[in-house]
PDB file of N, CA and C in Angstrom:
ATOM      1  N   MET A   1     109.916 109.012 111.596  1.00  0.00           N
ATOM      2  CA  MET A   1     110.307 110.032 112.435  1.00  0.00           C
ATOM      3  C   MET A   1     109.567 109.673 113.767  1.00  0.00           C
ATOM      4  N   ILE A   2     110.513 109.869 114.638  1.00  0.00           N
ATOM      5  CA  ILE A   2     109.803 109.585 116.117  1.00  0.00           C
ATOM      6  C   ILE A   2     109.661 111.066 116.755  1.00  0.00           C
ATOM      7  N   THR A   3     108.477 111.407 117.362  1.00  0.00           N
ATOM      8  CA  THR A   3     108.087 112.657 118.526  1.00  0.00           C
ATOM      9  C   THR A   3     108.511 111.569 119.673  1.00  0.00           C
ATOM     10  N   ILE A   4     108.956 112.650 120.489  1.00  0.00           N
ATOM     11  CA  ILE A   4     108.957 112.288 121.993  1.00  0.00           C
ATOM     12  C   ILE A   4     108.186 113.101 122.933  1.00  0.00           C
ATOM     13  N   THR A   5     107.433 112.638 123.569  1.00  0.00           N
ATOM     14  CA  THR A   5     106.767 113.258 124.851  1.00  0.00           C
ATOM     15  C   THR A   5     107.126 112.775 126.150  1.00  0.00           C
ATOM     16  N   LYS A   6     106.987 113.439 127.231  1.00  0.00           N
ATOM     17  CA  LYS A   6     107.245 113.110 128.744  1.00  0.00           C
ATOM     18  C   LYS A   6     105.950 113.394 129.248  1.00  0.00           C
ATOM     19  N   THR A   7     105.838 111.880 129.993  1.00  0.00           N
ATOM     20  CA  THR A   7     104.349 111.750 130.944  1.00  0.00           C
ATOM     21  C   THR A   7     105.299 112.109 132.302  1.00  0.00           C
ATOM     22  N   GLY A   8     104.360 112.087 133.278  1.00  0.00           N
ATOM     23  CA  GLY A   8     105.147 112.053 134.863  1.00  0.00           C
ATOM     24  C   GLY A   8     106.008 111.077 134.931  1.00  0.00           C
ATOM     25  N   SER A   9     106.208 109.816 134.516  1.00  0.00           N
ATOM     26  CA  SER A   9     107.118 108.937 134.927  1.00  0.00           C
ATOM     27  C   SER A   9     107.793 108.135 133.604  1.00  0.00           C
ATOM     28  N   ALA A  10     107.502 108.648 132.360  1.00  0.00           N
ATOM     29  CA  ALA A  10     107.904 107.861 131.308  1.00  0.00           C
ATOM     30  C   ALA A  10     107.915 108.872 130.009  1.00  0.00           C
ATOM     31  N   PHE A  11     108.860 108.309 128.989  1.00  0.00           N
ATOM     32  CA  PHE A  11     108.571 108.933 127.974  1.00  0.00           C
ATOM     33  C   PHE A  11     107.806 108.173 126.928  1.00  0.00           C
ATOM     34  N   ILE A  12     107.221 108.709 126.129  1.00  0.00           N
ATOM     35  CA  ILE A  12     106.499 108.117 125.046  1.00  0.00           C
ATOM     36  C   ILE A  12     107.153 108.385 123.945  1.00  0.00           C
ATOM     37  N   PHE A  13     107.662 107.518 122.892  1.00  0.00           N
ATOM     38  CA  PHE A  13     108.102 107.781 121.599  1.00  0.00           C
ATOM     39  C   PHE A  13     107.010 107.336 120.862  1.00  0.00           C
ATOM     40  N   HIS A  14     106.545 108.161 119.812  1.00  0.00           N
ATOM     41  CA  HIS A  14     105.519 107.938 119.106  1.00  0.00           C
ATOM     42  C   HIS A  14     106.419 108.029 117.420  1.00  0.00           C
ATOM     43  N   VAL A  15     105.680 107.089 117.073  1.00  0.00           N
ATOM     44  CA  VAL A  15     106.226 106.432 115.520  1.00  0.00           C
ATOM     45  C   VAL A  15     105.049 107.057 114.628  1.00  0.00           C
ATOM     46  N   ASN A  16     105.444 108.111 113.936  1.00  0.00           N
ATOM     47  CA  ASN A  16     104.588 108.857 112.954  1.00  0.00           C
ATOM     48  C   ASN A  16     104.527 108.426 111.486  1.00  0.00           C
ATOM     49  N   GLY A  17     103.148 108.556 110.773  1.00  0.00           N
ATOM     50  CA  GLY A  17     102.954 108.364 109.613  1.00  0.00           C
ATOM     51  C   GLY A  17     103.125 106.738 109.478  1.00  0.00           C
ATOM     52  N   MET A  18     103.832 106.753 108.015  1.00  0.00           N
ATOM     53  CA  MET A  18     104.142 105.496 107.386  1.00  0.00           C
ATOM     54  C   MET A  18     104.991 104.597 108.188  1.00  0.00           C
ATOM     55  N   HIS A  19     105.920 105.361 108.814  1.00  0.00           N
ATOM     56  CA  HIS A  19     106.915 104.594 109.881  1.00  0.00           C
ATOM     57  C   HIS A  19     106.299 103.620 110.782  1.00  0.00           C
ATOM     58  N   LYS A  20     104.856 103.754 110.911  1.00  0.00           N
ATOM     59  CA  LYS A  20     104.189 102.676 111.724  1.00  0.00           C
ATOM     60  C   LYS A  20     104.213 101.451 111.279  1.00  0.00           C
ATOM     61  N   MET A  21     104.112 101.452 109.745  1.00  0.00           N
ATOM     62  CA  MET A  21     103.962 100.278 109.105  1.00  0.00           C
ATOM     63  C   MET A  21     105.230  99.735 108.646  1.00  0.00           C
ATOM     64  N   TRP A  22     106.176 100.441 108.837  1.00  0.00           N
ATOM     65  CA  TRP A  22     107.875  99.819 108.464  1.00  0.00           C
ATOM     66  C   TRP A  22     108.749  99.420 109.728  1.00  0.00           C
ATOM     67  N   THR A  23     107.752  99.987 110.818  1.00  0.00           N
ATOM     68  CA  THR A  23     108.773  99.510 112.269  1.00  0.00           C
ATOM     69  C   THR A  23     107.706  98.652 112.895  1.00  0.00           C
ATOM     70  N   LEU A  24     106.550  98.382 112.359  1.00  0.00           N
ATOM     71  CA  LEU A  24     105.695  97.412 113.219  1.00  0.00           C
ATOM     72  C   LEU A  24     105.315  97.793 114.609  1.00  0.00           C
ATOM     73  N   LYS A  25     105.280  99.423 114.688  1.00  0.00           N
ATOM     74  CA  LYS A  25     104.931  99.683 116.126  1.00  0.00           C
ATOM     75  C   LYS A  25     104.387 101.165 116.163  1.00  0.00           C
ATOM     76  N   SER A  26     103.497 101.516 116.807  1.00  0.00           N
ATOM     77  CA  SER A  26     103.120 102.797 116.849  1.00  0.00           C
ATOM     78  C   SER A  26     103.699 103.600 118.124  1.00  0.00           C
ATOM     79  N   GLN A  27     104.387 103.103 119.220  1.00  0.00           N
ATOM     80  CA  GLN A  27     104.763 103.726 120.120  1.00  0.00           C
ATOM     81  C   GLN A  27     105.555 103.030 121.027  1.00  0.00           C
ATOM     82  N   LEU A  28     106.474 103.744 121.468  1.00  0.00           N
ATOM     83  CA  LEU A  28     106.964 102.659 122.710  1.00  0.00           C
ATOM     84  C   LEU A  28     107.038 103.595 123.892  1.00  0.00           C
ATOM     85  N   THR A  29     106.855 103.212 125.127  1.00  0.00           N
ATOM     86  CA  THR A  29     106.710 103.638 126.416  1.00  0.00           C
ATOM     87  C   THR A  29     107.700 103.465 127.430  1.00  0.00           C
ATOM     88  N   ILE A  30     108.629 104.320 127.620  1.00  0.00           N
ATOM     89  CA  ILE A  30     109.950 103.650 128.388  1.00  0.00           C
ATOM     90  C   ILE A  30     109.952 104.690 129.847  1.00  0.00           C
ATOM     91  N   PRO A  31     109.746 104.244 130.681  1.00  0.00           N
ATOM     92  CA  PRO A  31     110.020 104.888 132.093  1.00  0.00           C
ATOM     93  C   PRO A  31     111.167 105.513 132.080  1.00  0.00           C
ATOM     94  N   ILE A  32     111.521 106.734 132.932  1.00  0.00           N
ATOM     95  CA  ILE A  32     112.473 107.616 132.974  1.00  0.00           C
ATOM     96  C   ILE A  32     113.756 106.959 133.348  1.00  0.00           C
ATOM     97  N   GLU A  33     113.382 106.120 134.351  1.00  0.00           N
ATOM     98  CA  GLU A  33     114.399 105.515 135.041  1.00  0.00           C
ATOM     99  C   GLU A  33     115.307 104.739 134.229  1.00  0.00           C
ATOM    100  N   ASN A  34     114.898 104.098 133.330  1.00  0.00           N
ATOM    101  CA  ASN A  34     115.423 102.849 132.378  1.00  0.00           C
ATOM    102  C   ASN A  34     116.160 103.728 131.176  1.00  0.00           C
ATOM    103  N   ILE A  35     116.388 105.098 131.098  1.00  0.00           N
ATOM    104  CA  ILE A  35     116.665 105.810 130.092  1.00  0.00           C
ATOM    105  C   ILE A  35     118.514 106.208 130.631  1.00  0.00           C
ATOM    106  N   ALA A  36     119.199 105.587 130.184  1.00  0.00           N
ATOM    107  CA  ALA A  36     120.646 105.391 130.399  1.00  0.00           C
ATOM    108  C   ALA A  36     121.078 106.835 130.190  1.00  0.00           C
ATOM    109  N   HIS A  37     121.051 107.316 128.956  1.00  0.00           N
ATOM    110  CA  HIS A  37     121.363 108.513 128.039  1.00  0.00           C
ATOM    111  C   HIS A  37     121.089 108.601 126.726  1.00  0.00           C
ATOM    112  N   ALA A  38     121.148 109.486 126.056  1.00  0.00           N
ATOM    113  CA  ALA A  38     121.008 109.919 124.684  1.00  0.00           C
ATOM    114  C   ALA A  38     122.186 110.592 123.920  1.00  0.00           C
ATOM    115  N   HIS A  39     122.455 110.140 123.028  1.00  0.00           N
ATOM    116  CA  HIS A  39     123.830 110.705 122.278  1.00  0.00           C
ATOM    117  C   HIS A  39     123.657 110.817 121.083  1.00  0.00           C
ATOM    118  N   GLN A  40     124.564 111.402 120.101  1.00  0.00           N
ATOM    119  CA  GLN A  40     124.568 111.333 118.718  1.00  0.00           C
ATOM    120  C   GLN A  40     126.039 110.877 118.272  1.00  0.00           C
ATOM    121  N   THR A  41     126.364 109.563 118.914  1.00  0.00           N
ATOM    122  CA  THR A  41     127.612 109.107 118.380  1.00  0.00           C
ATOM    123  C   THR A  41     127.297 108.636 116.821  1.00  0.00           C
ATOM    124  N   LEU A  42     127.368 108.782 115.883  1.00  0.00           N
ATOM    125  CA  LEU A  42     127.099 108.120 114.457  1.00  0.00           C
ATOM    126  C   LEU A  42     127.801 107.348 114.025  1.00  0.00           C
ATOM    127  N   GLU A  43     129.399 107.502 114.533  1.00  0.00           N
ATOM    128  CA  GLU A  43     129.877 106.221 113.971  1.00  0.00           C
ATOM    129  C   GLU A  43     129.468 104.961 114.497  1.00  0.00           C
ATOM    130  N   SER A  44     128.780 104.972 115.547  1.00  0.00           N
ATOM    131  CA  SER A  44     128.505 103.483 116.432  1.00  0.00           C
ATOM    132  C   SER A  44     127.688 102.993 115.732  1.00  0.00           C
ATOM    133  N   ILE A  45     127.009 103.581 114.622  1.00  0.00           N
ATOM    134  CA  ILE A  45     125.771 103.127 113.988  1.00  0.00           C
ATOM    135  C   ILE A  45     125.867 102.718 112.368  1.00  0.00           C
ATOM    136  N   ARG A  46     126.841 103.101 111.989  1.00  0.00           N
ATOM    137  CA  ARG A  46     127.119 102.949 110.455  1.00  0.00           C
ATOM    138  C   ARG A  46     127.596 101.533 110.296  1.00  0.00           C
ATOM    139  N   GLY A  47     127.454 101.212 109.184  1.00  0.00           N
ATOM    140  CA  GLY A  47     127.710  99.729 108.867  1.00  0.00           C
ATOM    141  C   GLY A  47     126.710  98.916 109.115  1.00  0.00           C
ATOM    142  N   TRP A  48     126.758  97.701 108.808  1.00  0.00           N
ATOM    143  CA  TRP A  48     125.861  96.499 109.027  1.00  0.00           C
ATOM    144  C   TRP A  48     124.974  96.748 110.360  1.00  0.00           C
ATOM    145  N   HIS A  49     123.842  96.876 110.407  1.00  0.00           N
ATOM    146  CA  HIS A  49     122.675  97.176 111.369  1.00  0.00           C
ATOM    147  C   HIS A  49     122.551  95.723 112.421  1.00  0.00           C
ATOM    148  N   GLY A  50     122.424  94.407 111.896  1.00  0.00           N
ATOM    149  CA  GLY A  50     122.074  93.489 112.435  1.00  0.00           C
ATOM    150  C   GLY A  50     121.050  92.906 111.687  1.00  0.00           C
ATOM    151  N   TRP A  51     120.503  91.496 112.240  1.00  0.00           N
ATOM    152  CA  TRP A  51     119.668  91.024 111.726  1.00  0.00           C
ATOM    153  C   TRP A  51     118.449  91.704 112.012  1.00  0.00           C
ATOM    154  N   ARG A  52     117.812  91.840 111.162  1.00  0.00           N
ATOM    155  CA  ARG A  52     115.988  92.319 111.070  1.00  0.00           C
ATOM    156  C   ARG A  52     115.078  91.345 111.347  1.00  0.00           C
ATOM    157  N   MET A  53     114.166  91.567 112.278  1.00  0.00           N
ATOM    158  CA  MET A  53     113.388  90.453 112.793  1.00  0.00           C
ATOM    159  C   MET A  53     112.199  91.174 113.793  1.00  0.00           C
ATOM    160  N   PRO A  54     111.060  91.828 113.458  1.00  0.00           N
ATOM    161  CA  PRO A  54     110.594  91.889 112.295  1.00  0.00           C
ATOM    162  C   PRO A  54     111.106  93.357 111.683  1.00  0.00           C
ATOM    163  N   GLY A  55     111.383  93.789 110.686  1.00  0.00           N
ATOM    164  CA  GLY A  55     111.310  95.300 110.103  1.00  0.00           C
ATOM    165  C   GLY A  55     111.343  95.648 108.737  1.00  0.00           C
ATOM    166  N   THR A  56     112.067  96.574 108.442  1.00  0.00           N
ATOM    167  CA  THR A  56     112.174  97.327 106.974  1.00  0.00           C
ATOM    168  C   THR A  56     113.563  97.598 106.902  1.00  0.00           C
ATOM    169  N   TYR A  57     114.624  97.148 105.763  1.00  0.00           N
ATOM    170  CA  TYR A  57     115.818  97.788 105.545  1.00  0.00           C
ATOM    171  C   TYR A  57     115.947  97.804 104.103  1.00  0.00           C
ATOM    172  N   ILE A  58     116.197  99.072 103.642  1.00  0.00           N
ATOM    173  CA  ILE A  58     116.218  99.514 102.265  1.00  0.00           C
ATOM    174  C   ILE A  58     117.684 100.044 102.219  1.00  0.00           C
ATOM    175  N   PRO A  59     118.856  99.774 101.722  1.00  0.00           N
ATOM    176  CA  PRO A  59     119.768 100.351 101.950  1.00  0.00           C
ATOM    177  C   PRO A  59     120.104 101.643 101.500  1.00  0.00           C
ATOM    178  N   SER A  60     120.470 102.817 102.448  1.00  0.00           N
ATOM    179  CA  SER A  60     120.492 104.164 101.915  1.00  0.00           C
ATOM    180  C   SER A  60     119.176 104.854 101.667  1.00  0.00           C
ATOM    181  N   ILE A  61     118.171 104.370 102.378  1.00  0.00           N
ATOM    182  CA  ILE A  61     116.508 104.893 102.232  1.00  0.00           C
ATOM    183  C   ILE A  61     116.003 104.587 103.791  1.00  0.00           C
ATOM    184  N   ILE A  62     116.068 103.392 104.260  1.00  0.00           N
ATOM    185  CA  ILE A  62     115.292 103.480 105.329  1.00  0.00           C
ATOM    186  C   ILE A  62     115.757 102.269 106.369  1.00  0.00           C
ATOM    187  N   THR A  63     115.637 102.189 107.647  1.00  0.00           N
ATOM    188  CA  THR A  63     116.404 101.048 108.407  1.00  0.00           C
ATOM    189  C   THR A  63     115.272 101.534 109.742  1.00  0.00           C
ATOM    190  N   ALA A  64     113.827 100.373 109.941  1.00  0.00           N
ATOM    191  CA  ALA A  64     113.195 100.404 110.797  1.00  0.00           C
ATOM    192  C   ALA A  64     112.817  99.093 110.935  1.00  0.00           C
ATOM    193  N   GLY A  65     112.424  98.934 112.598  1.00  0.00           N
ATOM    194  CA  GLY A  65     112.047  97.711 113.109  1.00  0.00           C
ATOM    195  C   GLY A  65     112.708  97.662 114.362  1.00  0.00           C
ATOM    196  N   THR A  66     112.644  95.918 114.495  1.00  0.00           N
ATOM    197  CA  THR A  66     113.696  95.670 115.321  1.00  0.00           C
ATOM    198  C   THR A  66     114.772  94.667 114.973  1.00  0.00           C
ATOM    199  N   PHE A  67     116.082  94.932 115.519  1.00  0.00           N
ATOM    200  CA  PHE A  67     117.063  94.648 114.518  1.00  0.00           C
ATOM    201  C   PHE A  67     118.076  93.893 115.966  1.00  0.00           C
ATOM    202  N   TYR A  68     118.990  92.960 115.841  1.00  0.00           N
ATOM    203  CA  TYR A  68     119.744  92.307 116.639  1.00  0.00           C
ATOM    204  C   TYR A  68     121.055  92.033 116.441  1.00  0.00           C
ATOM    205  N   LYS A  69     122.023  92.616 116.956  1.00  0.00           N
ATOM    206  CA  LYS A  69     123.303  92.875 116.749  1.00  0.00           C
ATOM    207  C   LYS A  69     124.243  92.614 118.121  1.00  0.00           C
ATOM    208  N   GLU A  70     124.990  91.789 117.905  1.00  0.00           N
ATOM    209  CA  GLU A  70     126.164  91.443 118.906  1.00  0.00           C
ATOM    210  C   GLU A  70     125.380  91.423 120.445  1.00  0.00           C
ATOM    211  N   GLY A  71     124.185  90.600 120.372  1.00  0.00           N
ATOM    212  CA  GLY A  71     123.540  90.459 121.475  1.00  0.00           C
ATOM    213  C   GLY A  71     122.660  91.412 122.332  1.00  0.00           C
ATOM    214  N   LYS A  72     122.331  92.462 121.301  1.00  0.00           N
ATOM    215  CA  LYS A  72     121.534  93.347 121.553  1.00  0.00           C
ATOM    216  C   LYS A  72     120.459  93.653 120.967  1.00  0.00           C
ATOM    217  N   LYS A  73     119.407  94.019 121.420  1.00  0.00           N
ATOM    218  CA  LYS A  73     118.145  94.275 120.477  1.00  0.00           C
ATOM    219  C   LYS A  73     117.860  95.647 120.428  1.00  0.00           C
ATOM    220  N   ILE A  74     117.769  96.067 119.139  1.00  0.00           N
ATOM    221  CA  ILE A  74     117.829  97.342 118.923  1.00  0.00           C
ATOM    222  C   ILE A  74     116.727  97.996 117.946  1.00  0.00           C
ATOM    223  N   PHE A  75     116.067  98.788 118.373  1.00  0.00           N
ATOM    224  CA  PHE A  75     114.881  99.609 117.711  1.00  0.00           C
ATOM    225  C   PHE A  75     115.365 100.428 116.864  1.00  0.00           C
ATOM    226  N   TRP A  76     115.101 100.526 115.664  1.00  0.00           N
ATOM    227  CA  TRP A  76     115.286 101.461 114.513  1.00  0.00           C
ATOM    228  C   TRP A  76     114.468 102.223 113.937  1.00  0.00           C
ATOM    229  N   ASP A  77     114.490 103.552 113.955  1.00  0.00           N
ATOM    230  CA  ASP A  77     113.421 104.219 113.000  1.00  0.00           C
ATOM    231  C   ASP A  77     114.385 105.231 112.355  1.00  0.00           C
ATOM    232  N   VAL A  78     114.971 105.288 111.136  1.00  0.00           N
ATOM    233  CA  VAL A  78     115.835 106.014 110.759  1.00  0.00           C
ATOM    234  C   VAL A  78     115.605 106.207 109.077  1.00  0.00           C
ATOM    235  N   THR A  79     115.272 107.138 108.503  1.00  0.00           N
ATOM    236  CA  THR A  79     115.643 107.476 106.926  1.00  0.00           C
ATOM    237  C   THR A  79     116.580 108.727 106.645  1.00  0.00           C
ATOM    238  N   ASN A  80     117.121 109.774 107.802  1.00  0.00           N
ATOM    239  CA  ASN A  80     118.191 110.443 107.798  1.00  0.00           C
ATOM    240  C   ASN A  80     119.098 110.388 109.077  1.00  0.00           C
ATOM    241  N   VAL A  81     120.167 109.734 108.653  1.00  0.00           N
ATOM    242  CA  VAL A  81     121.059 109.657 109.472  1.00  0.00           C
ATOM    243  C   VAL A  81     121.746 110.559 110.252  1.00  0.00           C
ATOM    244  N   ASP A  82     121.829 111.881 109.665  1.00  0.00           N
ATOM    245  CA  ASP A  82     121.862 113.089 110.309  1.00  0.00           C
ATOM    246  C   ASP A  82     120.872 113.644 111.498  1.00  0.00           C
ATOM    247  N   GLN A  83     120.107 113.041 111.212  1.00  0.00           N
ATOM    248  CA  GLN A  83     118.875 113.516 111.962  1.00  0.00           C
ATOM    249  C   GLN A  83     118.792 112.642 113.494  1.00  0.00           C
ATOM    250  N   CYS A  84     119.496 111.669 113.750  1.00  0.00           N
ATOM    251  CA  CYS A  84     119.181 110.504 114.410  1.00  0.00           C
ATOM    252  C   CYS A  84     119.924 110.533 115.380  1.00  0.00           C
ATOM    253  N   ILE A  85     119.177 110.048 116.863  1.00  0.00           N
ATOM    254  CA  ILE A  85     119.966 109.875 118.095  1.00  0.00           C
ATOM    255  C   ILE A  85     119.898 108.620 118.454  1.00  0.00           C
ATOM    256  N   ILE A  86     121.048 108.122 119.636  1.00  0.00           N
ATOM    257  CA  ILE A  86     120.705 106.874 120.083  1.00  0.00           C
ATOM    258  C   ILE A  86     120.755 107.312 121.460  1.00  0.00           C
ATOM    259  N   VAL A  87     119.384 106.281 122.009  1.00  0.00           N
ATOM    260  CA  VAL A  87     119.249 106.364 123.517  1.00  0.00           C
ATOM    261  C   VAL A  87     119.540 105.079 123.672  1.00  0.00           C
ATOM    262  N   GLU A  88     120.175 105.011 125.045  1.00  0.00           N
ATOM    263  CA  GLU A  88     120.846 104.024 125.751  1.00  0.00           C
ATOM    264  C   GLU A  88     119.585 103.394 126.682  1.00  0.00           C
ATOM    265  N   LEU A  89     119.360 102.248 126.614  1.00  0.00           N
ATOM    266  CA  LEU A  89     118.140 101.930 127.854  1.00  0.00           C
ATOM    267  C   LEU A  89     118.860 100.901 128.666  1.00  0.00           C
ATOM    268  N   LYS A  90     118.550 101.075 130.105  1.00  0.00           N
ATOM    269  CA  LYS A  90     118.669  99.659 130.705  1.00  0.00           C
ATOM    270  C   LYS A  90     117.188  99.214 131.288  1.00  0.00           C
ATOM    271  N   ASP A  91     117.413  97.657 131.524  1.00  0.00           N
ATOM    272  CA  ASP A  91     116.137  96.940 132.354  1.00  0.00           C
ATOM    273  C   ASP A  91     114.906  97.180 131.504  1.00  0.00           C
ATOM    274  N   GLU A  92     115.148  97.155 129.948  1.00  0.00           N
ATOM    275  CA  GLU A  92     114.255  97.144 129.026  1.00  0.00           C
ATOM    276  C   GLU A  92     114.303  96.126 127.792  1.00  0.00           C
ATOM    277  N   ASP A  93     113.198  95.850 127.187  1.00  0.00           N
ATOM    278  CA  ASP A  93     113.048  94.717 125.966  1.00  0.00           C
ATOM    279  C   ASP A  93     114.305  95.148 125.025  1.00  0.00           C
ATOM    280  N   TYR A  94     114.572  96.553 124.904  1.00  0.00           N
ATOM    281  CA  TYR A  94     115.269  96.884 123.986  1.00  0.00           C
ATOM    282  C   TYR A  94     116.455  97.331 124.458  1.00  0.00           C
ATOM    283  N   ASN A  95     117.771  97.098 124.063  1.00  0.00           N
ATOM    284  CA  ASN A  95     119.076  97.807 124.740  1.00  0.00           C
ATOM    285  C   ASN A  95     119.323  99.335 124.199  1.00  0.00           C
ATOM    286  N   GLN A  96     118.798  99.583 123.255  1.00  0.00           N
ATOM    287  CA  GLN A  96     118.915 100.848 122.387  1.00  0.00           C
ATOM    288  C   GLN A  96     117.899 101.152 121.186  1.00  0.00           C
ATOM    289  N   LEU A  97     117.567 102.433 121.171  1.00  0.00           N
ATOM    290  CA  LEU A  97     116.666 103.274 120.301  1.00  0.00           C
ATOM    291  C   LEU A  97     117.295 103.809 119.447  1.00  0.00           C
ATOM    292  N   VAL A  98     117.583 103.576 117.942  1.00  0.00           N
ATOM    293  CA  VAL A  98     118.181 104.431 117.192  1.00  0.00           C
ATOM    294  C   VAL A  98     117.078 105.025 116.384  1.00  0.00           C
ATOM    295  N   ILE A  99     116.811 106.325 116.682  1.00  0.00           N
ATOM    296  CA  ILE A  99     115.703 106.943 116.031  1.00  0.00           C
ATOM    297  C   ILE A  99     115.818 108.225 115.618  1.00  0.00           C
ATOM    298  N   GLU A 100     115.200 108.903 114.374  1.00  0.00           N
ATOM    299  CA  GLU A 100     115.454 109.844 113.700  1.00  0.00           C
ATOM    300  C   GLU A 100     114.322 110.796 114.358  1.00  0.00           C
ATOM    301  N   VAL A 101     114.517 111.905 114.928  1.00  0.00           N
ATOM    302  CA  VAL A 101     113.990 113.141 115.494  1.00  0.00           C
ATOM    303  C   VAL A 101     114.373 114.084 114.715  1.00  0.00           C
ATOM    304  N   GLU A 102     113.141 115.434 114.837  1.00  0.00           N
ATOM    305  CA  GLU A 102     113.212 116.747 114.114  1.00  0.00           C
ATOM    306  C   GLU A 102     114.322 117.572 114.373  1.00  0.00           C
ATOM    307  N   ASN A 103     114.659 117.489 115.683  1.00  0.00           N
ATOM    308  CA  ASN A 103     115.773 118.097 116.380  1.00  0.00           C
ATOM    309  C   ASN A 103     116.498 117.254 117.385  1.00  0.00           C
ATOM    310  N   PRO A 104     117.492 116.805 116.825  1.00  0.00           N
ATOM    311  CA  PRO A 104     118.211 115.764 117.769  1.00  0.00           C
ATOM    312  C   PRO A 104     118.851 116.816 118.797  1.00  0.00           C
ATOM    313  N   VAL A 105     119.477 117.815 118.887  1.00  0.00           N
ATOM    314  CA  VAL A 105     119.973 118.503 120.096  1.00  0.00           C
ATOM    315  C   VAL A 105     118.915 118.746 121.115  1.00  0.00           C
ATOM    316  N   GLU A 106     117.624 119.296 120.696  1.00  0.00           N
ATOM    317  CA  GLU A 106     116.309 119.257 121.698  1.00  0.00           C
ATOM    318  C   GLU A 106     115.727 117.964 122.492  1.00  0.00           C
ATOM    319  N   ALA A 107     115.448 117.104 121.278  1.00  0.00           N
ATOM    320  CA  ALA A 107     115.729 115.682 121.755  1.00  0.00           C
ATOM    321  C   ALA A 107     116.814 115.082 123.132  1.00  0.00           C
ATOM    322  N   MET A 108     117.979 115.085 122.525  1.00  0.00           N
ATOM    323  CA  MET A 108     118.883 114.764 123.666  1.00  0.00           C
ATOM    324  C   MET A 108     118.617 115.414 124.927  1.00  0.00           C
ATOM    325  N   ALA A 109     118.531 116.678 124.685  1.00  0.00           N
ATOM    326  CA  ALA A 109     118.527 117.569 125.946  1.00  0.00           C
ATOM    327  C   ALA A 109     117.072 117.145 126.826  1.00  0.00           C
ATOM    328  N   LEU A 110     116.225 117.210 126.182  1.00  0.00           N
ATOM    329  CA  LEU A 110     114.909 116.537 126.894  1.00  0.00           C
ATOM    330  C   LEU A 110     115.141 115.252 127.544  1.00  0.00           C
ATOM    331  N   LEU A 111     115.762 114.314 127.031  1.00  0.00           N
ATOM    332  CA  LEU A 111     116.255 113.017 127.879  1.00  0.00           C
ATOM    333  C   LEU A 111     117.062 112.857 128.604  1.00  0.00           C
ATOM    334  N   ASN A 112     118.368 113.868 128.472  1.00  0.00           N
ATOM    335  CA  ASN A 112     119.506 113.763 129.219  1.00  0.00           C
ATOM    336  C   ASN A 112     118.970 114.689 130.442  1.00  0.00           C
ATOM    337  N   ASN A 113     118.214 115.526 130.273  1.00  0.00           N
ATOM    338  CA  ASN A 113     118.216 116.612 131.279  1.00  0.00           C
ATOM    339  C   ASN A 113     117.311 116.324 132.505  1.00  0.00           C
ATOM    340  N   THR A 114     116.535 114.944 132.117  1.00  0.00           N
ATOM    341  CA  THR A 114     115.509 114.451 132.618  1.00  0.00           C
ATOM    342  C   THR A 114     116.095 113.401 133.653  1.00  0.00           C
ATOM    343  N   LEU A 115     117.098 112.902 133.512  1.00  0.00           N
ATOM    344  CA  LEU A 115     117.936 111.681 133.944  1.00  0.00           C
ATOM    345  C   LEU A 115     118.555 112.204 135.751  1.00  0.00           C
TER     346      LEU A 115
END
């Protein structure tokens, strides 16, 4: 699961607990201006997640780490798809973050209202 905090000019996406081991990351720092928008269009992430490099994938249990799909570099940290959001990025190493958060509505409001 990911916890999001806002600093003056960036969002910090903290990777919690054992997810650090599965994603091979402890946090991502993204400048506010590089976040295009956040949404919960779950249909867009169903199915094959892409080529895993590096990361963890156990079907129906966890998708975590860096995945490449259709020319996009995507960071995943999801165990419960219903709790995940998709953060579209611009001018970043990753094109998208697909992350599980405690409260998707609050997380999307935090990210979208700052834009």
